Amino acid sequence: MVDLSFLKQFTKDDPKKMKRYITLYLDVAPKTFEEMHRNLKNKDWEQLRINAHSLKPQADFMGVSSLKEALIKIEEAVRSNNVDILESLYNSAHKIATDSEVKLTEMLVQF
């Protein structure tokens, strides 16, 4: 679920830098999902798409490819005006994010 290979390479395996990036992600991702939940409730599809898009590179950095894929599906659903599936897609992405946050929090202890 979480593959820190890219982050390790990017930070040259520097534990301090890795910890900083993981901590940043753990701060930003939940807030972005809160925003996305509000977007969903307010039927602000374009802002939902923008928020999903903004989180993709961070998910990629953390090696959570399943989250990146789920965020792409949200973007595609908004673009194709397939709003009926957005809540389901959001719930799926949110579960992946929550599970990965638990894993990343556990990994922080190693640094």
C-alpha atoms as a PDB file:
ATOM      1  CA  MET A   1       0.000   0.000   0.000  1.00  0.00           C
ATOM      2  CA  VAL A   2       2.801   2.433   0.873  1.00  0.00           C
ATOM      3  CA  ASP A   3       6.046   2.218  -1.055  1.00  0.00           C
ATOM      4  CA  LEU A   4       8.602   4.800   0.000  1.00  0.00           C
ATOM      5  CA  SER A   5      11.094   3.880  -2.755  1.00  0.00           C
ATOM      6  CA  PHE A   6      10.622   7.145  -4.614  1.00  0.00           C
ATOM      7  CA  LEU A   7      10.800   9.210  -1.431  1.00  0.00           C
ATOM      8  CA  LYS A   8      13.966   7.387  -0.356  1.00  0.00           C
ATOM      9  CA  GLN A   9      15.556   8.093  -3.712  1.00  0.00           C
ATOM     10  CA  PHE A  10      14.329  11.692  -3.773  1.00  0.00           C
ATOM     11  CA  THR A  11      15.702  12.420  -0.289  1.00  0.00           C
ATOM     12  CA  LYS A  12      18.842  10.328  -0.843  1.00  0.00           C
ATOM     13  CA  ASP A  13      17.610   8.168   2.049  1.00  0.00           C
ATOM     14  CA  ASP A  14      17.956  11.069   4.492  1.00  0.00           C
ATOM     15  CA  PRO A  15      15.733  10.155   7.480  1.00  0.00           C
ATOM     16  CA  LYS A  16      15.211  13.805   8.503  1.00  0.00           C
ATOM     17  CA  LYS A  17      13.982  14.774   5.036  1.00  0.00           C
ATOM     18  CA  MET A  18      11.832  11.677   4.742  1.00  0.00           C
ATOM     19  CA  LYS A  19      10.237  12.409   8.098  1.00  0.00           C
ATOM     20  CA  ARG A  20       9.573  16.005   7.040  1.00  0.00           C
ATOM     21  CA  TYR A  21       7.860  14.959   3.784  1.00  0.00           C
ATOM     22  CA  ILE A  22       5.792  12.260   5.470  1.00  0.00           C
ATOM     23  CA  THR A  23       4.742  14.696   8.213  1.00  0.00           C
ATOM     24  CA  LEU A  24       3.769  17.269   5.597  1.00  0.00           C
ATOM     25  CA  TYR A  25       1.671  14.694   3.758  1.00  0.00           C
ATOM     26  CA  LEU A  26       0.001  13.614   7.012  1.00  0.00           C
ATOM     27  CA  ASP A  27      -0.906  17.243   7.632  1.00  0.00           C
ATOM     28  CA  VAL A  28      -2.143  18.079   4.132  1.00  0.00           C
ATOM     29  CA  ALA A  29      -3.977  14.922   3.020  1.00  0.00           C
ATOM     30  CA  PRO A  30      -6.655  14.857   5.759  1.00  0.00           C
ATOM     31  CA  LYS A  31      -7.367  18.564   5.235  1.00  0.00           C
ATOM     32  CA  THR A  32      -7.702  18.035   1.496  1.00  0.00           C
ATOM     33  CA  PHE A  33     -10.139  15.191   2.087  1.00  0.00           C
ATOM     34  CA  GLU A  34     -12.177  17.425   4.400  1.00  0.00           C
ATOM     35  CA  GLU A  35     -12.324  19.988   1.581  1.00  0.00           C
ATOM     36  CA  MET A  36     -13.296  17.299  -0.910  1.00  0.00           C
ATOM     37  CA  HIS A  37     -16.070  16.136   1.405  1.00  0.00           C
ATOM     38  CA  ARG A  38     -17.412  19.696   1.553  1.00  0.00           C
ATOM     39  CA  ASN A  39     -17.146  19.936  -2.247  1.00  0.00           C
ATOM     40  CA  LEU A  40     -19.156  16.744  -2.526  1.00  0.00           C
ATOM     41  CA  LYS A  41     -21.861  17.980  -0.149  1.00  0.00           C
ATOM     42  CA  ASN A  42     -22.035  21.345  -1.944  1.00  0.00           C
ATOM     43  CA  LYS A  43     -21.975  19.690  -5.365  1.00  0.00           C
ATOM     44  CA  ASP A  44     -18.981  21.808  -6.269  1.00  0.00           C
ATOM     45  CA  TRP A  45     -17.699  19.289  -8.798  1.00  0.00           C
ATOM     46  CA  GLU A  46     -14.978  21.449 -10.318  1.00  0.00           C
ATOM     47  CA  GLN A  47     -13.424  22.226  -6.935  1.00  0.00           C
ATOM     48  CA  LEU A  48     -13.656  18.530  -6.056  1.00  0.00           C
ATOM     49  CA  ARG A  49     -11.713  17.752  -9.236  1.00  0.00           C
ATOM     50  CA  ILE A  50      -9.123  20.434  -8.433  1.00  0.00           C
ATOM     51  CA  ASN A  51      -8.630  19.100  -4.894  1.00  0.00           C
ATOM     52  CA  ALA A  52      -8.297  15.533  -6.140  1.00  0.00           C
ATOM     53  CA  HIS A  53      -5.794  16.716  -8.730  1.00  0.00           C
ATOM     54  CA  SER A  54      -3.738  18.610  -6.149  1.00  0.00           C
ATOM     55  CA  LEU A  55      -3.378  15.537  -3.941  1.00  0.00           C
ATOM     56  CA  LYS A  56      -2.189  13.194  -6.713  1.00  0.00           C
ATOM     57  CA  PRO A  57       1.511  14.151  -6.687  1.00  0.00           C
ATOM     58  CA  GLN A  58       1.638  13.888  -2.916  1.00  0.00           C
ATOM     59  CA  ALA A  59       0.122  10.407  -3.014  1.00  0.00           C
ATOM     60  CA  ASP A  60       2.675   9.547  -5.687  1.00  0.00           C
ATOM     61  CA  PHE A  61       5.528  10.862  -3.507  1.00  0.00           C
ATOM     62  CA  MET A  62       4.371   8.666  -0.638  1.00  0.00           C
ATOM     63  CA  GLY A  63       4.126   5.663  -2.935  1.00  0.00           C
ATOM     64  CA  VAL A  64       0.391   5.243  -2.458  1.00  0.00           C
ATOM     65  CA  SER A  65      -0.369   4.365  -6.063  1.00  0.00           C
ATOM     66  CA  SER A  66      -3.859   3.056  -5.273  1.00  0.00           C
ATOM     67  CA  LEU A  67      -4.772   6.502  -3.907  1.00  0.00           C
ATOM     68  CA  LYS A  68      -3.370   8.219  -6.982  1.00  0.00           C
ATOM     69  CA  GLU A  69      -5.496   5.928  -9.173  1.00  0.00           C
ATOM     70  CA  ALA A  70      -8.603   6.642  -7.079  1.00  0.00           C
ATOM     71  CA  LEU A  71      -8.013  10.398  -7.372  1.00  0.00           C
ATOM     72  CA  ILE A  72      -7.658  10.070 -11.146  1.00  0.00           C
ATOM     73  CA  LYS A  73     -11.047   8.301 -11.237  1.00  0.00           C
ATOM     74  CA  ILE A  74     -12.593  11.241  -9.356  1.00  0.00           C
ATOM     75  CA  GLU A  75     -11.098  13.679 -11.846  1.00  0.00           C
ATOM     76  CA  GLU A  76     -12.342  11.621 -14.790  1.00  0.00           C
ATOM     77  CA  ALA A  77     -15.841  11.300 -13.326  1.00  0.00           C
ATOM     78  CA  VAL A  78     -16.082  15.078 -12.925  1.00  0.00           C
ATOM     79  CA  ARG A  79     -14.772  15.690 -16.445  1.00  0.00           C
ATOM     80  CA  SER A  80     -17.301  13.266 -17.930  1.00  0.00           C
ATOM     81  CA  ASN A  81     -20.082  14.685 -15.726  1.00  0.00           C
ATOM     82  CA  ASN A  82     -20.616  11.266 -14.140  1.00  0.00           C
ATOM     83  CA  VAL A  83     -21.515  12.800 -10.785  1.00  0.00           C
ATOM     84  CA  ASP A  84     -23.610   9.829  -9.626  1.00  0.00           C
ATOM     85  CA  ILE A  85     -20.486   7.828  -8.824  1.00  0.00           C
ATOM     86  CA  LEU A  86     -18.526  10.612  -7.114  1.00  0.00           C
ATOM     87  CA  GLU A  87     -19.598   9.782  -3.569  1.00  0.00           C
ATOM     88  CA  SER A  88     -18.581   6.158  -4.013  1.00  0.00           C
ATOM     89  CA  LEU A  89     -15.263   7.162  -5.576  1.00  0.00           C
ATOM     90  CA  TYR A  90     -14.640   9.661  -2.779  1.00  0.00           C
ATOM     91  CA  ASN A  91     -15.376   7.034  -0.107  1.00  0.00           C
ATOM     92  CA  SER A  92     -12.992   4.600  -1.747  1.00  0.00           C
ATOM     93  CA  ALA A  93     -10.216   7.204  -2.034  1.00  0.00           C
ATOM     94  CA  HIS A  94     -10.786   8.346   1.550  1.00  0.00           C
ATOM     95  CA  LYS A  95     -10.473   4.782   2.877  1.00  0.00           C
ATOM     96  CA  ILE A  96      -7.202   4.283   1.003  1.00  0.00           C
ATOM     97  CA  ALA A  97      -5.916   7.617   2.329  1.00  0.00           C
ATOM     98  CA  THR A  98      -6.912   6.818   5.904  1.00  0.00           C
ATOM     99  CA  ASP A  99      -5.297   3.372   5.755  1.00  0.00           C
ATOM    100  CA  SER A 100      -2.111   4.812   4.260  1.00  0.00           C
ATOM    101  CA  GLU A 101      -2.011   7.547   6.906  1.00  0.00           C
ATOM    102  CA  VAL A 102      -2.023   4.860   9.607  1.00  0.00           C
ATOM    103  CA  LYS A 103       0.817   3.056   7.861  1.00  0.00           C
ATOM    104  CA  LEU A 104       2.822   6.252   7.346  1.00  0.00           C
ATOM    105  CA  THR A 105       2.336   7.253  10.978  1.00  0.00           C
ATOM    106  CA  GLU A 106       3.714   3.876  12.006  1.00  0.00           C
ATOM    107  CA  MET A 107       6.678   4.398   9.672  1.00  0.00           C
ATOM    108  CA  LEU A 108       7.481   7.774  11.258  1.00  0.00           C
ATOM    109  CA  VAL A 109       8.529   5.971  14.428  1.00  0.00           C
ATOM    110  CA  GLN A 110      11.353   4.338  12.457  1.00  0.00           C
ATOM    111  CA  PHE A 111      13.040   7.656  11.751  1.00  0.00           C
END
